[in-house]
Amino acid sequence: MTTLPALNPLRPLVTTLVGLACLSAGGAGAQTSPYYLGASQRFTHNSNVFLAQDATAKSDTISSTGLRVGLVQPISRQRLSASLSANVNRYSSLDALNNTDYALDTRLDWETVDRLSGNVAFSSRESLPADAAALSAGQRNLLKVNSASVQANLGGVTMWSFDAGAAVSRASYSEAVYARNNTNQTSINAGVRVTPASGLTLRTGLRHANVSYPNTGNDVRRNDLDFSATVNPGGASVFTSRVSLTRENHSFADRNVNNWTGALGWNWKPSGKLSTSLSLSRDSSNGSYDFTSGTINVGASNSTVATTLGLTTQWEVTSKIGLTGNLSHSRRSLDNALTVGTGVAPSTASDSTNSLGLSVQYAVLRNVDLGCSVTWSDRSVSSSGVTVLSTPYSATTYGCFGQALLR
């Protein structure tokens, strides 16, 4: 039986939480500040920390003590937002994994009087990766990702509008054994959007991305021709779709791709208390673009194409209690052609991962939250070749947290 860490080291945090809770309660009637400051505490039990095969799985309980700082400030026509979250993570048994993770996000949304608008964003984050391959060595292999993007849109009151942007991303691993997977990615995009009727928006655009693996010398060039549509019939549903003709060229790996990628989405909100989103996507990991955040996704270099189906439901049970459930299924095609080097035959594999999660959150006060969550996941693998590209596993993760914010 795993014993939770002693509470003595947490007394400063408990004092902070109580103090922030009292200040939040006392200032509930005051005007909301653009700034916020908070603290959090989470205890999590993971039945398979390294996502290893069940016979060699190691479990542990993790204490995460966090700090939250943020800003949301309108400036004339502009809007500046920034947030920083950091957690000191301490493992009760596997103390070699003790680490501090952080996530910094900043964004400036801007617009002018001439129907020109856009945004500039930057993010920096570091944490233990969720990819089982990066954890297989059983070491504290931290993944650090820095990304920046700029996007501009021209139009608004007319049926036609134009957009263009650029993004850059850098990903690096702390352990030398995984450094061959470090990537540098850059991307540019441009498109034209038309709204021929109320509730219907169509877009076509071009994307170009360069992805380099500096420790292997391989470079990837990707080009996409996008066709997308958003349909809002005026009821509780919104439908989105994208189909892209994708071409990848690799400098030395026999991995060139000429294929279709894309995504489908359905958002359903029948009432103010219930919402559901269903998504299906198929994309390769190199140069895949996040149309929501404007940044390039960083995936495992071994993944050639991933198909993911996801379902998320949120239910506001009362004004203070909320439930969230999510279900996902993902299939990946894998090879190590990008990192194995020249003159060596790559190994290939495929895997399927299923995940089910449920969480509940309770708003004790306006700025004080408590919650618990549980997640079940499992992966099956089919492989050929001597190199292990993916590991079958099953894992159960559950935990509870408390958070207080001062605004």
Protein backbone atom coordinates (compact mmCIF):
# COMPACT_ATOMS: atom_id res chain seq x y z
CA MET A 1 0.00 0.00 0.00
CA THR A 2 1.41 3.38 -0.99
CA THR A 3 1.70 5.97 1.79
CA LEU A 4 1.01 9.60 1.00
CA PRO A 5 3.79 12.06 1.74
CA ALA A 6 3.76 13.67 5.17
CA LEU A 7 1.75 16.87 5.46
CA ASN A 8 4.38 18.93 7.30
CA PRO A 9 6.14 20.13 4.11
CA LEU A 10 2.76 21.27 2.78
CA ARG A 11 1.91 23.60 5.65
CA PRO A 12 3.08 26.73 3.77
CA LEU A 13 0.89 25.75 0.83
CA VAL A 14 -2.11 24.99 3.06
CA THR A 15 -1.66 28.39 4.71
CA THR A 16 -1.52 30.03 1.28
CA LEU A 17 -4.65 28.23 0.12
CA VAL A 18 -6.56 29.22 3.24
CA GLY A 19 -5.36 32.82 2.97
CA LEU A 20 -6.30 33.08 -0.69
CA ALA A 21 -9.68 31.50 0.04
CA CYS A 22 -10.41 34.09 2.75
CA LEU A 23 -9.31 36.94 0.48
CA SER A 24 -11.41 35.56 -2.36
CA ALA A 25 -14.46 35.27 -0.14
CA GLY A 26 -13.96 38.74 1.28
CA GLY A 27 -13.51 40.33 -2.13
CA ALA A 28 -16.34 38.53 -3.91
CA GLY A 29 -18.26 41.74 -4.41
CA ALA A 30 -15.25 43.72 -5.65
CA GLN A 31 -14.48 44.43 -9.28
CA THR A 32 -12.56 41.62 -10.95
CA SER A 33 -8.88 42.39 -11.41
CA PRO A 34 -7.13 41.66 -14.72
CA TYR A 35 -4.49 39.80 -12.70
CA TYR A 36 -4.74 36.58 -10.76
CA LEU A 37 -2.45 34.71 -8.41
CA GLY A 38 -3.06 31.24 -7.06
CA ALA A 39 -1.73 28.06 -5.54
CA SER A 40 -2.72 24.44 -5.99
CA GLN A 41 -2.06 21.02 -4.52
CA ARG A 42 -2.66 17.70 -6.26
CA PHE A 43 -2.06 14.10 -5.22
CA THR A 44 -2.00 11.54 -8.05
CA HIS A 45 -1.56 7.78 -8.02
CA ASN A 46 -0.26 6.23 -11.24
CA SER A 47 -0.36 2.43 -11.58
CA ASN A 48 2.21 2.43 -14.42
CA VAL A 49 4.54 5.41 -14.23
CA PHE A 50 6.83 4.37 -17.11
CA LEU A 51 3.99 3.04 -19.31
CA ALA A 52 5.76 -0.31 -19.38
CA GLN A 53 4.36 -3.78 -19.97
CA ASP A 54 2.10 -4.92 -17.14
CA ALA A 55 4.61 -7.48 -15.81
CA THR A 56 7.21 -4.76 -15.14
CA ALA A 57 4.86 -1.87 -14.27
CA LYS A 58 5.90 0.40 -11.39
CA SER A 59 3.33 2.42 -9.49
CA ASP A 60 3.80 5.53 -7.40
CA THR A 61 2.02 8.45 -5.75
CA ILE A 62 3.00 11.94 -6.84
CA SER A 63 2.58 15.18 -4.92
CA SER A 64 2.34 18.27 -7.16
CA THR A 65 2.52 21.69 -5.50
CA GLY A 66 1.69 24.44 -7.96
CA LEU A 67 1.76 28.17 -8.55
CA ARG A 68 -0.63 29.98 -10.93
CA VAL A 69 -0.10 33.53 -12.23
CA GLY A 70 -2.03 35.21 -15.02
CA LEU A 71 -3.17 38.39 -16.75
CA VAL A 72 -6.10 39.22 -19.04
CA GLN A 73 -5.99 42.91 -19.99
CA PRO A 74 -7.92 44.76 -22.74
CA ILE A 75 -5.86 47.61 -24.22
CA SER A 76 -8.06 49.75 -26.48
CA ARG A 77 -8.81 47.43 -29.42
CA GLN A 78 -6.18 44.95 -28.28
CA ARG A 79 -6.33 42.15 -25.72
CA LEU A 80 -3.26 40.90 -23.87
CA SER A 81 -3.33 37.61 -22.01
CA ALA A 82 -0.59 35.70 -20.23
CA SER A 83 -0.47 32.75 -17.87
CA LEU A 84 2.22 30.85 -16.01
CA SER A 85 1.70 27.58 -14.18
CA ALA A 86 4.47 25.66 -12.45
CA ASN A 87 4.40 22.50 -10.35
CA VAL A 88 6.97 20.92 -8.06
CA ASN A 89 6.42 17.19 -8.53
CA ARG A 90 7.67 14.78 -5.87
CA TYR A 91 7.44 10.98 -6.20
CA SER A 92 7.06 8.99 -2.99
CA SER A 93 9.21 6.05 -4.24
CA LEU A 94 10.70 6.86 -7.66
CA ASP A 95 12.42 10.02 -6.44
CA ALA A 96 14.78 10.04 -9.46
CA LEU A 97 11.79 11.37 -11.40
CA ASN A 98 11.31 14.40 -9.14
CA ASN A 99 10.97 17.43 -11.37
CA THR A 100 9.50 20.88 -11.80
CA ASP A 101 7.24 21.38 -14.79
CA TYR A 102 6.05 24.71 -16.14
CA ALA A 103 3.88 26.17 -18.88
CA LEU A 104 4.11 29.80 -19.99
CA ASP A 105 1.61 31.14 -22.55
CA THR A 106 1.33 34.71 -23.83
CA ARG A 107 -0.94 36.08 -26.55
CA LEU A 108 -1.78 39.49 -27.99
CA ASP A 109 -4.97 39.79 -30.03
CA TRP A 110 -4.99 42.98 -32.08
CA GLU A 111 -7.17 44.76 -34.62
CA THR A 112 -7.24 48.03 -36.56
CA VAL A 113 -10.01 50.19 -37.97
CA ASP A 114 -9.31 48.90 -41.49
CA ARG A 115 -10.70 45.39 -40.95
CA LEU A 116 -7.20 44.08 -40.20
CA SER A 117 -6.77 41.86 -37.15
CA GLY A 118 -4.63 39.03 -35.88
CA ASN A 119 -2.64 37.67 -32.98
CA VAL A 120 0.90 37.07 -31.80
CA ALA A 121 1.52 34.15 -29.43
CA PHE A 122 4.44 32.58 -27.58
CA SER A 123 4.60 29.53 -25.35
CA SER A 124 7.28 27.68 -23.43
CA ARG A 125 6.76 24.48 -21.47
CA GLU A 126 8.72 21.63 -19.95
CA SER A 127 7.48 18.39 -18.40
CA LEU A 128 7.84 14.63 -18.45
CA PRO A 129 6.50 13.53 -21.87
CA ALA A 130 3.40 11.38 -22.19
CA ASP A 131 4.98 9.32 -24.98
CA ALA A 132 5.76 5.80 -23.73
CA ALA A 133 8.85 5.56 -25.95
CA ALA A 134 10.40 8.58 -24.22
CA LEU A 135 9.81 6.97 -20.81
CA SER A 136 11.03 3.47 -21.69
CA ALA A 137 14.56 4.14 -20.44
CA GLY A 138 13.10 4.65 -16.94
CA GLN A 139 14.84 8.00 -16.55
CA ARG A 140 13.76 11.58 -15.97
CA ASN A 141 13.62 12.50 -19.64
CA LEU A 142 12.11 16.00 -19.73
CA LEU A 143 10.63 17.41 -22.93
CA LYS A 144 11.02 21.15 -23.49
CA VAL A 145 9.02 22.88 -26.23
CA ASN A 146 9.23 26.56 -27.23
CA SER A 147 6.90 27.89 -29.90
CA ALA A 148 5.90 31.25 -31.38
CA SER A 149 3.38 32.26 -34.01
CA VAL A 150 1.91 35.28 -35.77
CA GLN A 151 -1.37 35.38 -37.68
CA ALA A 152 -3.13 38.18 -39.59
CA ASN A 153 -6.65 38.39 -41.04
CA LEU A 154 -8.03 40.92 -43.53
CA GLY A 155 -11.80 41.21 -43.86
CA GLY A 156 -14.80 40.94 -41.61
CA VAL A 157 -17.84 42.85 -42.85
CA THR A 158 -17.63 41.42 -46.37
CA MET A 159 -18.17 37.84 -47.45
CA TRP A 160 -14.48 37.51 -48.36
CA SER A 161 -11.52 37.48 -45.99
CA PHE A 162 -7.85 36.56 -46.21
CA ASP A 163 -5.41 35.17 -43.66
CA ALA A 164 -1.68 34.50 -43.44
CA GLY A 165 0.73 33.53 -40.74
CA ALA A 166 3.91 31.83 -39.61
CA ALA A 167 4.96 29.61 -36.72
CA VAL A 168 8.17 28.21 -35.29
CA SER A 169 8.70 25.44 -32.74
CA ARG A 170 11.70 23.84 -31.01
CA ALA A 171 11.52 20.56 -29.08
CA SER A 172 14.37 18.99 -27.12
CA TYR A 173 14.75 16.10 -24.67
CA SER A 174 17.00 16.21 -21.63
CA GLU A 175 18.33 12.64 -21.95
CA ALA A 176 21.06 12.07 -24.54
CA VAL A 177 19.65 8.65 -25.45
CA TYR A 178 16.56 10.38 -26.86
CA ALA A 179 18.27 13.46 -28.35
CA ARG A 180 17.97 12.04 -31.88
CA ASN A 181 14.29 12.98 -31.64
CA ASN A 182 14.99 16.70 -31.08
CA THR A 183 13.23 18.79 -33.74
CA ASN A 184 13.22 22.29 -35.17
CA GLN A 185 10.05 23.19 -37.08
CA THR A 186 8.95 26.25 -39.05
CA SER A 187 5.74 26.83 -40.97
CA ILE A 188 4.01 29.45 -43.12
CA ASN A 189 0.38 29.49 -44.23
CA ALA A 190 -2.04 31.59 -46.28
CA GLY A 191 -5.67 31.19 -47.21
CA VAL A 192 -8.87 32.79 -48.46
CA ARG A 193 -12.22 32.44 -46.69
CA VAL A 194 -15.71 33.08 -48.05
CA THR A 195 -19.11 33.14 -46.35
CA PRO A 196 -21.63 32.53 -49.16
CA ALA A 197 -24.58 32.17 -46.77
CA SER A 198 -25.43 32.65 -43.13
CA GLY A 199 -24.00 29.78 -41.10
CA LEU A 200 -21.64 28.55 -43.84
CA THR A 201 -17.94 29.42 -44.13
CA LEU A 202 -15.57 27.89 -46.67
CA ARG A 203 -11.79 28.19 -46.78
CA THR A 204 -8.96 27.06 -49.01
CA GLY A 205 -5.31 27.58 -48.17
CA LEU A 206 -1.70 26.54 -48.57
CA ARG A 207 0.80 25.50 -45.90
CA HIS A 208 4.52 24.83 -46.05
CA ALA A 209 6.58 23.40 -43.19
CA ASN A 210 10.25 22.56 -42.70
CA VAL A 211 11.13 20.05 -39.99
CA SER A 212 14.75 19.27 -39.18
CA TYR A 213 16.32 16.69 -36.88
CA PRO A 214 19.63 18.41 -36.06
CA ASN A 215 21.20 15.36 -34.40
CA THR A 216 20.57 13.07 -37.38
CA GLY A 217 20.93 15.46 -40.31
CA ASN A 218 17.53 14.60 -41.76
CA ASP A 219 15.23 17.34 -43.07
CA VAL A 220 11.54 17.08 -43.89
CA ARG A 221 9.66 19.40 -46.23
CA ARG A 222 5.87 19.31 -46.07
CA ASN A 223 3.28 21.00 -48.30
CA ASP A 224 -0.48 21.00 -47.71
CA LEU A 225 -3.42 22.14 -49.81
CA ASP A 226 -6.34 22.65 -47.41
CA PHE A 227 -10.09 22.69 -48.00
CA SER A 228 -12.22 23.38 -44.94
CA ALA A 229 -15.80 24.25 -44.03
CA THR A 230 -17.73 25.38 -40.95
CA VAL A 231 -21.49 24.82 -40.88
CA ASN A 232 -23.68 26.41 -38.21
CA PRO A 233 -27.31 25.55 -39.00
CA GLY A 234 -28.54 27.87 -36.26
CA GLY A 235 -29.45 25.21 -33.70
CA ALA A 236 -27.43 23.47 -31.02
CA SER A 237 -24.86 22.00 -33.43
CA VAL A 238 -21.77 23.33 -35.20
CA PHE A 239 -19.96 21.14 -37.76
CA THR A 240 -16.36 21.58 -38.94
CA SER A 241 -14.36 19.71 -41.56
CA ARG A 242 -10.97 19.87 -43.25
CA VAL A 243 -9.46 17.82 -46.05
CA SER A 244 -5.82 18.34 -47.03
CA LEU A 245 -3.64 16.99 -49.80
CA THR A 246 -0.35 16.40 -47.96
CA ARG A 247 3.09 15.81 -49.44
CA GLU A 248 6.23 15.11 -47.42
CA ASN A 249 9.76 14.89 -48.79
CA HIS A 250 12.62 13.57 -46.63
CA SER A 251 16.28 14.26 -47.26
CA PHE A 252 17.63 10.75 -46.68
CA ALA A 253 14.89 8.53 -45.30
CA ASP A 254 12.74 6.51 -47.69
CA ARG A 255 9.60 7.92 -46.13
CA ASN A 256 8.14 10.33 -48.69
CA VAL A 257 4.39 10.77 -48.29
CA ASN A 258 1.71 11.74 -50.79
CA ASN A 259 -1.56 11.29 -48.97
CA TRP A 260 -4.81 12.79 -47.71
CA THR A 261 -5.08 14.12 -44.16
CA GLY A 262 -7.88 15.98 -42.44
CA ALA A 263 -10.30 16.38 -39.56
CA LEU A 264 -14.01 16.31 -38.75
CA GLY A 265 -15.71 17.88 -35.75
CA TRP A 266 -19.17 18.20 -34.21
CA ASN A 267 -19.96 20.48 -31.27
CA TRP A 268 -23.42 20.01 -29.72
CA LYS A 269 -24.78 22.23 -26.95
CA PRO A 270 -28.47 21.49 -26.39
CA SER A 271 -28.57 23.61 -23.21
CA GLY A 272 -26.45 25.95 -21.15
CA LYS A 273 -25.54 23.10 -18.80
CA LEU A 274 -24.61 20.35 -21.29
CA SER A 275 -22.12 20.30 -24.16
CA THR A 276 -20.56 17.53 -26.23
CA SER A 277 -17.77 17.56 -28.80
CA LEU A 278 -16.87 14.73 -31.17
CA SER A 279 -13.70 14.85 -33.30
CA LEU A 280 -11.94 12.66 -35.83
CA SER A 281 -8.50 13.49 -37.22
CA ARG A 282 -5.90 11.87 -39.43
CA ASP A 283 -2.49 13.52 -39.73
CA SER A 284 1.25 12.88 -39.80
CA SER A 285 3.42 14.10 -36.95
CA ASN A 286 5.85 16.20 -38.98
CA GLY A 287 4.64 19.75 -39.45
CA SER A 288 1.03 19.17 -38.38
CA TYR A 289 -0.54 22.56 -37.71
CA ASP A 290 -2.87 23.51 -34.86
CA PHE A 291 -5.47 25.80 -36.42
CA THR A 292 -6.76 26.86 -32.99
CA SER A 293 -3.51 27.94 -31.32
CA GLY A 294 -1.56 28.78 -34.48
CA THR A 295 1.40 26.61 -33.51
CA ILE A 296 2.98 23.44 -34.85
CA ASN A 297 2.25 20.26 -32.97
CA VAL A 298 5.19 18.25 -31.70
CA GLY A 299 4.63 14.50 -32.02
CA ALA A 300 6.81 11.46 -31.67
CA SER A 301 9.24 11.23 -34.59
CA ASN A 302 8.49 7.51 -34.90
CA SER A 303 4.87 8.25 -35.79
CA THR A 304 4.18 8.53 -39.52
CA VAL A 305 0.37 8.81 -39.48
CA ALA A 306 -2.01 8.95 -36.52
CA THR A 307 -5.81 8.60 -36.62
CA THR A 308 -7.64 9.77 -33.49
CA LEU A 309 -11.32 9.66 -32.49
CA GLY A 310 -12.30 11.63 -29.41
CA LEU A 311 -15.50 12.35 -27.48
CA THR A 312 -15.80 14.87 -24.63
CA THR A 313 -18.95 15.67 -22.63
CA GLN A 314 -19.32 18.40 -20.01
CA TRP A 315 -22.31 18.63 -17.67
CA GLU A 316 -22.95 21.43 -15.22
CA VAL A 317 -24.84 19.46 -12.59
CA THR A 318 -25.40 22.52 -10.41
CA SER A 319 -23.98 26.04 -10.31
CA LYS A 320 -21.08 24.65 -8.25
CA ILE A 321 -20.59 21.07 -9.49
CA GLY A 322 -19.36 20.11 -12.95
CA LEU A 323 -18.67 16.71 -14.52
CA THR A 324 -16.42 16.03 -17.52
CA GLY A 325 -16.08 12.72 -19.33
CA ASN A 326 -13.83 11.89 -22.26
CA LEU A 327 -13.24 8.87 -24.43
CA SER A 328 -10.57 8.48 -27.12
CA HIS A 329 -9.17 5.91 -29.53
CA SER A 330 -5.94 6.44 -31.46
CA ARG A 331 -4.12 4.32 -34.06
CA ARG A 332 -0.56 5.10 -35.16
CA SER A 333 1.69 3.81 -37.91
CA LEU A 334 5.30 3.87 -36.73
CA ASP A 335 8.81 3.56 -38.09
CA ASN A 336 12.23 4.85 -37.06
CA ALA A 337 13.40 5.90 -40.52
CA LEU A 338 13.95 9.51 -39.36
CA THR A 339 16.29 8.63 -36.49
CA VAL A 340 17.93 5.30 -37.36
CA GLY A 341 20.42 6.88 -39.75
CA THR A 342 21.55 5.92 -43.25
CA GLY A 343 22.47 2.38 -44.25
CA VAL A 344 20.24 0.74 -41.63
CA ALA A 345 16.89 -0.83 -42.44
CA PRO A 346 14.15 0.84 -40.36
CA SER A 347 11.79 -1.09 -38.12
CA THR A 348 8.03 -0.64 -38.46
CA ALA A 349 5.12 -1.04 -36.06
CA SER A 350 1.58 0.07 -35.34
CA ASP A 351 -0.25 0.60 -32.07
CA SER A 352 -3.74 1.36 -30.78
CA THR A 353 -4.43 3.31 -27.60
CA ASN A 354 -7.77 3.57 -25.81
CA SER A 355 -8.43 6.03 -23.00
CA LEU A 356 -11.41 6.76 -20.74
CA GLY A 357 -11.51 9.59 -18.23
CA LEU A 358 -13.94 11.10 -15.72
CA SER A 359 -13.51 14.16 -13.54
CA VAL A 360 -15.64 16.16 -11.12
CA GLN A 361 -15.01 19.72 -9.97
CA TYR A 362 -16.63 21.58 -7.08
CA ALA A 363 -16.52 25.37 -6.76
CA VAL A 364 -16.28 25.88 -3.01
CA LEU A 365 -16.10 29.64 -3.44
CA ARG A 366 -15.90 31.93 -6.45
CA ASN A 367 -12.16 31.40 -6.78
CA VAL A 368 -11.65 28.18 -4.82
CA ASP A 369 -12.04 24.78 -6.52
CA LEU A 370 -11.74 21.16 -5.46
CA GLY A 371 -11.84 18.17 -7.76
CA CYS A 372 -11.01 14.54 -8.43
CA SER A 373 -10.36 12.58 -11.61
CA VAL A 374 -9.67 9.06 -12.82
CA THR A 375 -8.28 7.87 -16.17
CA TRP A 376 -7.97 4.37 -17.61
CA SER A 377 -5.79 3.72 -20.66
CA ASP A 378 -4.36 0.74 -22.51
CA ARG A 379 -2.24 0.18 -25.62
CA SER A 380 -1.77 -2.80 -27.94
CA VAL A 381 1.16 -3.09 -30.37
CA SER A 382 1.87 -4.92 -33.62
CA SER A 383 5.49 -4.69 -34.77
CA SER A 384 8.09 -6.05 -37.19
CA GLY A 385 11.83 -5.53 -36.80
CA VAL A 386 14.21 -5.80 -33.88
CA THR A 387 13.84 -2.22 -32.62
CA VAL A 388 11.09 -1.58 -30.07
CA LEU A 389 9.08 1.42 -31.30
CA SER A 390 6.10 1.11 -28.96
CA THR A 391 5.23 -0.82 -25.79
CA PRO A 392 1.90 -2.40 -24.88
CA TYR A 393 0.66 -1.24 -21.47
CA SER A 394 -2.33 -0.56 -19.29
CA ALA A 395 -2.50 2.19 -16.68
CA THR A 396 -4.92 3.65 -14.16
CA THR A 397 -4.39 7.17 -12.85
CA TYR A 398 -6.50 8.83 -10.18
CA GLY A 399 -6.10 11.83 -7.95
CA CYS A 400 -7.59 14.88 -6.27
CA PHE A 401 -6.65 18.56 -6.20
CA GLY A 402 -7.41 21.88 -4.57
CA GLN A 403 -6.85 25.33 -6.07
CA ALA A 404 -7.38 28.87 -4.84
CA LEU A 405 -7.01 32.08 -6.87
CA LEU A 406 -6.74 35.69 -5.80
CA ARG A 407 -8.06 38.13 -8.40
